[in-house]
């Protein structure tokens, strides 16, 4: 299958992976600044934007599809669900991923016994059920959860809603399958194997993927470093684009001349 990727900028290759319900346009607020330093590969995950849906919609299949569409050597920044795809890519293709940035991501989205820094399973199950009879309202409630707790909640929520349908509407099957990935994926027993230099960039007020998950990853991953934006919620690149860009470029280093 083909994965749509918009390429912009010059410099080292950097792929940007969006989260559930969104598309590559969610990065527009930091795109121009990053494109001054990097050759960006802005991915529409399967079923979103210009990328066709596929089956089976599993984390491994997503990681393999994105990996095939990207250069043989690439730096990857994944947000939320995109961060889990990036983690799976680093596990499956360690020689391809030069550096890894996990933005508001987690090895395990759904709460389990002994894993409290996560969203309750019932919340994700409620979203999945509600998609059937209130598609648009369900997506907008998910956006509200992303914005909750951070600085400038209303303006952030408006930006998320403005972006949501600018590249079409993902079908219910894709959304339901993506929620199932969030419900079932648990990478906790594998992440210690990742030797790729990794930046964990997290909002201190994230209500969807609590910052405790990032602290846990920082302890488990041998080459990981944690940066917390204290006032940010689940989308720090939207609420704090300047700080986000500075942290990312500082981690990845100067552009090649």
C-alpha atoms as a PDB file:
ATOM      1  CA  UNK A   1       0.000   0.000   0.000  1.00  0.00           C
ATOM      2  CA  UNK A   2       1.058   3.626  -0.470  1.00  0.00           C
ATOM      3  CA  UNK A   3       1.495   6.097   2.385  1.00  0.00           C
ATOM      4  CA  UNK A   4       1.147   9.752   1.414  1.00  0.00           C
ATOM      5  CA  UNK A   5       4.090  11.886   2.500  1.00  0.00           C
ATOM      6  CA  UNK A   6       4.532  15.622   1.921  1.00  0.00           C
ATOM      7  CA  UNK A   7       8.204  16.577   1.641  1.00  0.00           C
ATOM      8  CA  UNK A   8       9.374  20.093   2.408  1.00  0.00           C
ATOM      9  CA  UNK A   9      12.632  21.761   3.439  1.00  0.00           C
ATOM     10  CA  UNK A  10      16.328  20.904   3.186  1.00  0.00           C
ATOM     11  CA  UNK A  11      18.712  19.176   5.543  1.00  0.00           C
ATOM     12  CA  UNK A  12      18.727  15.883   7.425  1.00  0.00           C
ATOM     13  CA  UNK A  13      15.606  13.774   6.923  1.00  0.00           C
ATOM     14  CA  UNK A  14      13.001  14.120   9.685  1.00  0.00           C
ATOM     15  CA  UNK A  15       9.650  12.309   9.573  1.00  0.00           C
ATOM     16  CA  UNK A  16       6.618  13.659  11.451  1.00  0.00           C
ATOM     17  CA  UNK A  17       3.886  11.204  12.495  1.00  0.00           C
ATOM     18  CA  UNK A  18       0.503  12.490  13.708  1.00  0.00           C
ATOM     19  CA  UNK A  19      -1.901  11.034  16.268  1.00  0.00           C
ATOM     20  CA  UNK A  20      -5.321   9.360  16.220  1.00  0.00           C
ATOM     21  CA  UNK A  21      -8.092  11.205  14.375  1.00  0.00           C
ATOM     22  CA  UNK A  22      -5.727  13.763  12.825  1.00  0.00           C
ATOM     23  CA  UNK A  23      -3.499  13.995   9.713  1.00  0.00           C
ATOM     24  CA  UNK A  24      -0.161  15.486   8.695  1.00  0.00           C
ATOM     25  CA  UNK A  25      -1.591  19.010   8.693  1.00  0.00           C
ATOM     26  CA  UNK A  26      -1.492  19.045  12.488  1.00  0.00           C
ATOM     27  CA  UNK A  27       2.225  19.926  12.177  1.00  0.00           C
ATOM     28  CA  UNK A  28       1.614  23.101  10.141  1.00  0.00           C
ATOM     29  CA  UNK A  29       2.350  25.373  13.106  1.00  0.00           C
ATOM     30  CA  UNK A  30       5.967  24.144  13.347  1.00  0.00           C
ATOM     31  CA  UNK A  31       6.469  23.033   9.742  1.00  0.00           C
ATOM     32  CA  UNK A  32       8.100  26.191   8.376  1.00  0.00           C
ATOM     33  CA  UNK A  33      10.487  26.595  11.307  1.00  0.00           C
ATOM     34  CA  UNK A  34      11.573  22.960  11.163  1.00  0.00           C
ATOM     35  CA  UNK A  35      11.854  23.026   7.359  1.00  0.00           C
ATOM     36  CA  UNK A  36      14.610  25.628   7.672  1.00  0.00           C
ATOM     37  CA  UNK A  37      16.782  22.965   9.306  1.00  0.00           C
ATOM     38  CA  UNK A  38      15.458  19.627   8.066  1.00  0.00           C
ATOM     39  CA  UNK A  39      13.997  17.859   5.059  1.00  0.00           C
ATOM     40  CA  UNK A  40      10.608  17.057   6.501  1.00  0.00           C
ATOM     41  CA  UNK A  41       8.615  13.963   5.601  1.00  0.00           C
ATOM     42  CA  UNK A  42       5.107  14.817   6.841  1.00  0.00           C
ATOM     43  CA  UNK A  43       3.189  11.551   6.943  1.00  0.00           C
ATOM     44  CA  UNK A  44      -0.534  10.917   6.618  1.00  0.00           C
ATOM     45  CA  UNK A  45      -0.969   7.619   8.456  1.00  0.00           C
ATOM     46  CA  UNK A  46      -3.077   5.021   6.611  1.00  0.00           C
ATOM     47  CA  UNK A  47      -6.737   6.019   6.523  1.00  0.00           C
ATOM     48  CA  UNK A  48      -6.033   9.704   7.169  1.00  0.00           C
ATOM     49  CA  UNK A  49      -5.558  12.649   4.827  1.00  0.00           C
ATOM     50  CA  UNK A  50      -4.390  11.426   1.415  1.00  0.00           C
ATOM     51  CA  UNK A  51      -3.348   7.939   2.562  1.00  0.00           C
ATOM     52  CA  UNK A  52      -5.782   5.098   1.812  1.00  0.00           C
ATOM     53  CA  UNK A  53      -6.894   2.830   4.634  1.00  0.00           C
ATOM     54  CA  UNK A  54      -5.583  -0.714   4.893  1.00  0.00           C
ATOM     55  CA  UNK A  55      -5.960  -3.955   6.806  1.00  0.00           C
ATOM     56  CA  UNK A  56      -4.960  -5.375   9.171  1.00  0.00           C
ATOM     57  CA  UNK A  57      -4.820  -2.098  11.092  1.00  0.00           C
ATOM     58  CA  UNK A  58      -2.241  -3.140  13.662  1.00  0.00           C
ATOM     59  CA  UNK A  59       0.683  -1.279  15.186  1.00  0.00           C
ATOM     60  CA  UNK A  60       3.181  -3.541  13.435  1.00  0.00           C
ATOM     61  CA  UNK A  61       1.492  -3.122  10.052  1.00  0.00           C
ATOM     62  CA  UNK A  62       1.434   0.661  10.509  1.00  0.00           C
ATOM     63  CA  UNK A  63       5.131   0.702  11.407  1.00  0.00           C
ATOM     64  CA  UNK A  64       6.069  -1.433   8.411  1.00  0.00           C
ATOM     65  CA  UNK A  65       4.028   0.679   5.983  1.00  0.00           C
ATOM     66  CA  UNK A  66       5.529   3.961   7.203  1.00  0.00           C
ATOM     67  CA  UNK A  67       9.056   2.536   7.294  1.00  0.00           C
ATOM     68  CA  UNK A  68       8.791   1.401   3.678  1.00  0.00           C
ATOM     69  CA  UNK A  69       7.698   4.880   2.570  1.00  0.00           C
ATOM     70  CA  UNK A  70      10.569   6.702   4.316  1.00  0.00           C
ATOM     71  CA  UNK A  71      14.288   6.990   3.465  1.00  0.00           C
ATOM     72  CA  UNK A  72      16.672   4.241   4.532  1.00  0.00           C
ATOM     73  CA  UNK A  73      18.098   6.530   7.222  1.00  0.00           C
ATOM     74  CA  UNK A  74      15.744   8.954   8.941  1.00  0.00           C
ATOM     75  CA  UNK A  75      14.991  10.726  12.192  1.00  0.00           C
ATOM     76  CA  UNK A  76      11.416  10.245  13.392  1.00  0.00           C
ATOM     77  CA  UNK A  77       9.167  12.422  15.545  1.00  0.00           C
ATOM     78  CA  UNK A  78       5.890  10.793  16.551  1.00  0.00           C
ATOM     79  CA  UNK A  79       3.022  12.372  18.465  1.00  0.00           C
ATOM     80  CA  UNK A  80       0.594  10.335  20.568  1.00  0.00           C
ATOM     81  CA  UNK A  81      -0.424   7.309  18.437  1.00  0.00           C
ATOM     82  CA  UNK A  82       2.312   8.384  15.993  1.00  0.00           C
ATOM     83  CA  UNK A  83       4.768   8.007  18.870  1.00  0.00           C
ATOM     84  CA  UNK A  84       3.737   4.387  19.317  1.00  0.00           C
ATOM     85  CA  UNK A  85       4.232   3.824  15.587  1.00  0.00           C
ATOM     86  CA  UNK A  86       7.689   5.415  15.924  1.00  0.00           C
ATOM     87  CA  UNK A  87       8.523   3.149  18.882  1.00  0.00           C
ATOM     88  CA  UNK A  88       7.498   0.075  16.889  1.00  0.00           C
ATOM     89  CA  UNK A  89       9.611   1.278  13.956  1.00  0.00           C
ATOM     90  CA  UNK A  90      12.639   1.665  16.231  1.00  0.00           C
ATOM     91  CA  UNK A  91      12.113  -1.889  17.474  1.00  0.00           C
ATOM     92  CA  UNK A  92      11.612  -3.421  14.029  1.00  0.00           C
ATOM     93  CA  UNK A  93      14.073  -1.301  12.042  1.00  0.00           C
ATOM     94  CA  UNK A  94      16.797  -0.074  14.435  1.00  0.00           C
ATOM     95  CA  UNK A  95      19.261   0.569  11.591  1.00  0.00           C
ATOM     96  CA  UNK A  96      16.824   2.895   9.811  1.00  0.00           C
ATOM     97  CA  UNK A  97      15.924   5.168  12.734  1.00  0.00           C
ATOM     98  CA  UNK A  98      18.844   7.475  13.538  1.00  0.00           C
ATOM     99  CA  UNK A  99      17.125   9.494  16.268  1.00  0.00           C
ATOM    100  CA  UNK A 100      13.710   9.257  17.856  1.00  0.00           C
ATOM    101  CA  UNK A 101      11.424  11.940  19.303  1.00  0.00           C
ATOM    102  CA  UNK A 102       8.353  10.836  21.229  1.00  0.00           C
ATOM    103  CA  UNK A 103       5.935  13.706  21.750  1.00  0.00           C
ATOM    104  CA  UNK A 104       3.183  13.131  24.323  1.00  0.00           C
ATOM    105  CA  UNK A 105       3.450   9.424  23.765  1.00  0.00           C
ATOM    106  CA  UNK A 106       3.493   6.324  25.949  1.00  0.00           C
ATOM    107  CA  UNK A 107       4.328   2.633  25.675  1.00  0.00           C
ATOM    108  CA  UNK A 108       0.788   1.780  26.830  1.00  0.00           C
ATOM    109  CA  UNK A 109      -2.193   4.129  26.414  1.00  0.00           C
ATOM    110  CA  UNK A 110      -4.808   2.156  28.340  1.00  0.00           C
ATOM    111  CA  UNK A 111      -4.624   1.693  32.100  1.00  0.00           C
ATOM    112  CA  UNK A 112      -3.777  -1.789  33.345  1.00  0.00           C
ATOM    113  CA  UNK A 113      -2.962  -3.322  36.680  1.00  0.00           C
ATOM    114  CA  UNK A 114       0.290  -1.757  37.827  1.00  0.00           C
ATOM    115  CA  UNK A 115       0.115   0.915  35.110  1.00  0.00           C
ATOM    116  CA  UNK A 116      -1.838   3.923  36.396  1.00  0.00           C
ATOM    117  CA  UNK A 117      -0.240   6.623  34.193  1.00  0.00           C
ATOM    118  CA  UNK A 118      -2.704   6.031  31.375  1.00  0.00           C
ATOM    119  CA  UNK A 119      -6.246   6.756  30.263  1.00  0.00           C
ATOM    120  CA  UNK A 120      -8.928   4.424  31.710  1.00  0.00           C
ATOM    121  CA  UNK A 121      -9.903   1.676  29.266  1.00  0.00           C
ATOM    122  CA  UNK A 122     -13.559   2.609  29.668  1.00  0.00           C
ATOM    123  CA  UNK A 123     -12.887   6.043  28.186  1.00  0.00           C
ATOM    124  CA  UNK A 124     -11.441   4.594  24.972  1.00  0.00           C
ATOM    125  CA  UNK A 125     -14.241   2.013  24.795  1.00  0.00           C
ATOM    126  CA  UNK A 126     -16.819   4.791  25.156  1.00  0.00           C
ATOM    127  CA  UNK A 127     -15.207   6.714  22.292  1.00  0.00           C
ATOM    128  CA  UNK A 128     -15.294   3.587  20.109  1.00  0.00           C
ATOM    129  CA  UNK A 129     -18.985   2.988  20.846  1.00  0.00           C
ATOM    130  CA  UNK A 130     -19.946   6.636  20.358  1.00  0.00           C
ATOM    131  CA  UNK A 131     -18.351   6.766  16.882  1.00  0.00           C
ATOM    132  CA  UNK A 132     -21.259   4.735  15.551  1.00  0.00           C
ATOM    133  CA  UNK A 133     -23.942   7.319  16.342  1.00  0.00           C
ATOM    134  CA  UNK A 134     -22.080  10.630  16.871  1.00  0.00           C
ATOM    135  CA  UNK A 135     -19.020  10.656  14.624  1.00  0.00           C
ATOM    136  CA  UNK A 136     -18.197  14.363  14.709  1.00  0.00           C
ATOM    137  CA  UNK A 137     -19.097  14.876  18.357  1.00  0.00           C
ATOM    138  CA  UNK A 138     -16.900  11.956  19.412  1.00  0.00           C
ATOM    139  CA  UNK A 139     -13.864  13.333  17.609  1.00  0.00           C
ATOM    140  CA  UNK A 140     -14.414  16.774  19.091  1.00  0.00           C
ATOM    141  CA  UNK A 141     -14.692  15.324  22.600  1.00  0.00           C
ATOM    142  CA  UNK A 142     -11.381  13.556  22.030  1.00  0.00           C
ATOM    143  CA  UNK A 143      -9.838  16.891  21.037  1.00  0.00           C
ATOM    144  CA  UNK A 144     -11.197  18.446  24.233  1.00  0.00           C
ATOM    145  CA  UNK A 145      -9.429  15.747  26.232  1.00  0.00           C
ATOM    146  CA  UNK A 146      -6.192  16.596  24.417  1.00  0.00           C
ATOM    147  CA  UNK A 147      -6.467  20.295  25.271  1.00  0.00           C
ATOM    148  CA  UNK A 148      -7.661  19.890  28.858  1.00  0.00           C
ATOM    149  CA  UNK A 149      -5.309  21.017  31.606  1.00  0.00           C
ATOM    150  CA  UNK A 150      -2.898  23.067  29.518  1.00  0.00           C
ATOM    151  CA  UNK A 151      -2.328  26.754  28.947  1.00  0.00           C
ATOM    152  CA  UNK A 152      -4.877  28.578  26.770  1.00  0.00           C
ATOM    153  CA  UNK A 153      -7.310  25.657  26.616  1.00  0.00           C
ATOM    154  CA  UNK A 154      -9.901  27.450  24.477  1.00  0.00           C
ATOM    155  CA  UNK A 155      -7.452  28.674  21.828  1.00  0.00           C
ATOM    156  CA  UNK A 156      -5.748  25.270  21.621  1.00  0.00           C
ATOM    157  CA  UNK A 157      -9.079  23.491  21.270  1.00  0.00           C
ATOM    158  CA  UNK A 158     -10.110  25.893  18.506  1.00  0.00           C
ATOM    159  CA  UNK A 159      -6.884  25.186  16.614  1.00  0.00           C
ATOM    160  CA  UNK A 160      -7.371  21.444  16.910  1.00  0.00           C
ATOM    161  CA  UNK A 161     -10.967  21.715  15.692  1.00  0.00           C
ATOM    162  CA  UNK A 162      -9.931  23.983  12.807  1.00  0.00           C
ATOM    163  CA  UNK A 163      -7.382  21.375  11.671  1.00  0.00           C
ATOM    164  CA  UNK A 164      -9.542  18.296  12.185  1.00  0.00           C
ATOM    165  CA  UNK A 165     -11.389  18.018   8.846  1.00  0.00           C
ATOM    166  CA  UNK A 166      -9.152  20.124   6.578  1.00  0.00           C
ATOM    167  CA  UNK A 167      -7.979  16.986   4.740  1.00  0.00           C
ATOM    168  CA  UNK A 168     -11.181  15.004   4.626  1.00  0.00           C
ATOM    169  CA  UNK A 169     -12.850  12.755   7.163  1.00  0.00           C
ATOM    170  CA  UNK A 170     -11.340   9.423   8.192  1.00  0.00           C
ATOM    171  CA  UNK A 171     -13.898   6.630   8.007  1.00  0.00           C
ATOM    172  CA  UNK A 172     -15.359   5.027  11.106  1.00  0.00           C
ATOM    173  CA  UNK A 173     -13.550   1.752  10.461  1.00  0.00           C
ATOM    174  CA  UNK A 174     -10.131   3.470  10.487  1.00  0.00           C
ATOM    175  CA  UNK A 175     -10.983   5.382  13.658  1.00  0.00           C
ATOM    176  CA  UNK A 176     -12.301   2.281  15.404  1.00  0.00           C
ATOM    177  CA  UNK A 177      -9.220   0.283  14.403  1.00  0.00           C
ATOM    178  CA  UNK A 178      -6.938   3.059  15.648  1.00  0.00           C
ATOM    179  CA  UNK A 179      -8.695   3.124  19.002  1.00  0.00           C
ATOM    180  CA  UNK A 180      -8.172  -0.623  19.204  1.00  0.00           C
ATOM    181  CA  UNK A 181      -4.435  -0.072  18.686  1.00  0.00           C
ATOM    182  CA  UNK A 182      -4.489   2.398  21.584  1.00  0.00           C
ATOM    183  CA  UNK A 183      -6.432  -0.074  23.724  1.00  0.00           C
ATOM    184  CA  UNK A 184      -4.366  -3.166  23.043  1.00  0.00           C
ATOM    185  CA  UNK A 185      -0.788  -2.048  22.357  1.00  0.00           C
ATOM    186  CA  UNK A 186       1.600  -2.515  25.275  1.00  0.00           C
ATOM    187  CA  UNK A 187       5.289  -2.005  24.499  1.00  0.00           C
ATOM    188  CA  UNK A 188       6.515  -1.858  28.093  1.00  0.00           C
ATOM    189  CA  UNK A 189       8.390  -5.137  28.001  1.00  0.00           C
ATOM    190  CA  UNK A 190      10.211  -4.200  24.766  1.00  0.00           C
ATOM    191  CA  UNK A 191      11.267  -0.554  25.009  1.00  0.00           C
ATOM    192  CA  UNK A 192      14.465  -1.266  26.975  1.00  0.00           C
ATOM    193  CA  UNK A 193      15.794  -2.872  23.785  1.00  0.00           C
ATOM    194  CA  UNK A 194      15.742   0.478  21.946  1.00  0.00           C
ATOM    195  CA  UNK A 195      19.284   1.861  21.786  1.00  0.00           C
ATOM    196  CA  UNK A 196      18.362   4.738  19.460  1.00  0.00           C
ATOM    197  CA  UNK A 197      19.056   8.207  20.944  1.00  0.00           C
ATOM    198  CA  UNK A 198      15.604   9.340  22.052  1.00  0.00           C
ATOM    199  CA  UNK A 199      14.017  12.612  23.144  1.00  0.00           C
ATOM    200  CA  UNK A 200      10.893  12.321  25.286  1.00  0.00           C
ATOM    201  CA  UNK A 201       9.056  15.633  24.901  1.00  0.00           C
ATOM    202  CA  UNK A 202       5.989  15.823  27.108  1.00  0.00           C
ATOM    203  CA  UNK A 203       3.490  18.315  28.458  1.00  0.00           C
ATOM    204  CA  UNK A 204       3.441  18.550  32.221  1.00  0.00           C
ATOM    205  CA  UNK A 205      -0.372  18.887  32.204  1.00  0.00           C
ATOM    206  CA  UNK A 206      -1.130  16.119  29.716  1.00  0.00           C
ATOM    207  CA  UNK A 207      -4.444  14.510  30.711  1.00  0.00           C
ATOM    208  CA  UNK A 208      -4.441  11.890  27.936  1.00  0.00           C
ATOM    209  CA  UNK A 209      -0.937  10.474  28.319  1.00  0.00           C
ATOM    210  CA  UNK A 210       0.155  11.560  31.815  1.00  0.00           C
ATOM    211  CA  UNK A 211       3.742  12.699  32.189  1.00  0.00           C
ATOM    212  CA  UNK A 212       4.394   9.740  34.488  1.00  0.00           C
ATOM    213  CA  UNK A 213       4.563   7.563  31.364  1.00  0.00           C
ATOM    214  CA  UNK A 214       7.396   9.715  29.997  1.00  0.00           C
ATOM    215  CA  UNK A 215       9.292   9.506  33.296  1.00  0.00           C
ATOM    216  CA  UNK A 216       8.916   5.719  33.167  1.00  0.00           C
ATOM    217  CA  UNK A 217      10.243   5.615  29.598  1.00  0.00           C
ATOM    218  CA  UNK A 218      13.207   7.785  30.591  1.00  0.00           C
ATOM    219  CA  UNK A 219      14.149   5.190  33.203  1.00  0.00           C
ATOM    220  CA  UNK A 220      13.708   2.211  30.882  1.00  0.00           C
ATOM    221  CA  UNK A 221      15.275   3.405  27.621  1.00  0.00           C
ATOM    222  CA  UNK A 222      19.083   3.552  27.871  1.00  0.00           C
ATOM    223  CA  UNK A 223      19.535   6.450  25.423  1.00  0.00           C
ATOM    224  CA  UNK A 224      16.484   8.532  26.362  1.00  0.00           C
ATOM    225  CA  UNK A 225      16.337  12.070  27.667  1.00  0.00           C
ATOM    226  CA  UNK A 226      13.207  13.757  29.028  1.00  0.00           C
ATOM    227  CA  UNK A 227      12.103  17.352  28.417  1.00  0.00           C
ATOM    228  CA  UNK A 228       8.869  18.512  30.066  1.00  0.00           C
ATOM    229  CA  UNK A 229       6.994  21.672  29.054  1.00  0.00           C
ATOM    230  CA  UNK A 230       5.269  22.426  32.383  1.00  0.00           C
ATOM    231  CA  UNK A 231       2.256  24.354  31.058  1.00  0.00           C
ATOM    232  CA  UNK A 232       1.552  22.168  28.030  1.00  0.00           C
ATOM    233  CA  UNK A 233      -1.170  19.554  27.651  1.00  0.00           C
ATOM    234  CA  UNK A 234      -1.245  16.818  24.978  1.00  0.00           C
ATOM    235  CA  UNK A 235      -0.227  18.915  21.943  1.00  0.00           C
ATOM    236  CA  UNK A 236       2.866  20.941  22.980  1.00  0.00           C
ATOM    237  CA  UNK A 237       3.862  21.692  19.374  1.00  0.00           C
ATOM    238  CA  UNK A 238       0.556  23.556  18.941  1.00  0.00           C
ATOM    239  CA  UNK A 239       0.445  25.338  22.286  1.00  0.00           C
ATOM    240  CA  UNK A 240       4.189  26.075  22.541  1.00  0.00           C
ATOM    241  CA  UNK A 241       5.566  25.959  18.969  1.00  0.00           C
ATOM    242  CA  UNK A 242       8.680  28.069  19.615  1.00  0.00           C
ATOM    243  CA  UNK A 243       9.781  26.062  22.652  1.00  0.00           C
ATOM    244  CA  UNK A 244       8.957  22.806  20.876  1.00  0.00           C
ATOM    245  CA  UNK A 245      11.050  23.744  17.844  1.00  0.00           C
ATOM    246  CA  UNK A 246      13.994  24.860  19.978  1.00  0.00           C
ATOM    247  CA  UNK A 247      14.009  21.617  21.970  1.00  0.00           C
ATOM    248  CA  UNK A 248      13.719  19.446  18.855  1.00  0.00           C
ATOM    249  CA  UNK A 249      16.454  21.238  16.921  1.00  0.00           C
ATOM    250  CA  UNK A 250      18.679  21.255  19.984  1.00  0.00           C
ATOM    251  CA  UNK A 251      18.313  17.496  20.327  1.00  0.00           C
ATOM    252  CA  UNK A 252      18.815  16.730  16.637  1.00  0.00           C
ATOM    253  CA  UNK A 253      21.774  19.069  16.318  1.00  0.00           C
ATOM    254  CA  UNK A 254      22.716  21.663  13.709  1.00  0.00           C
ATOM    255  CA  UNK A 255      21.652  21.236  10.123  1.00  0.00           C
ATOM    256  CA  UNK A 256      24.179  19.887   7.663  1.00  0.00           C
ATOM    257  CA  UNK A 257      25.862  22.512   5.517  1.00  0.00           C
END
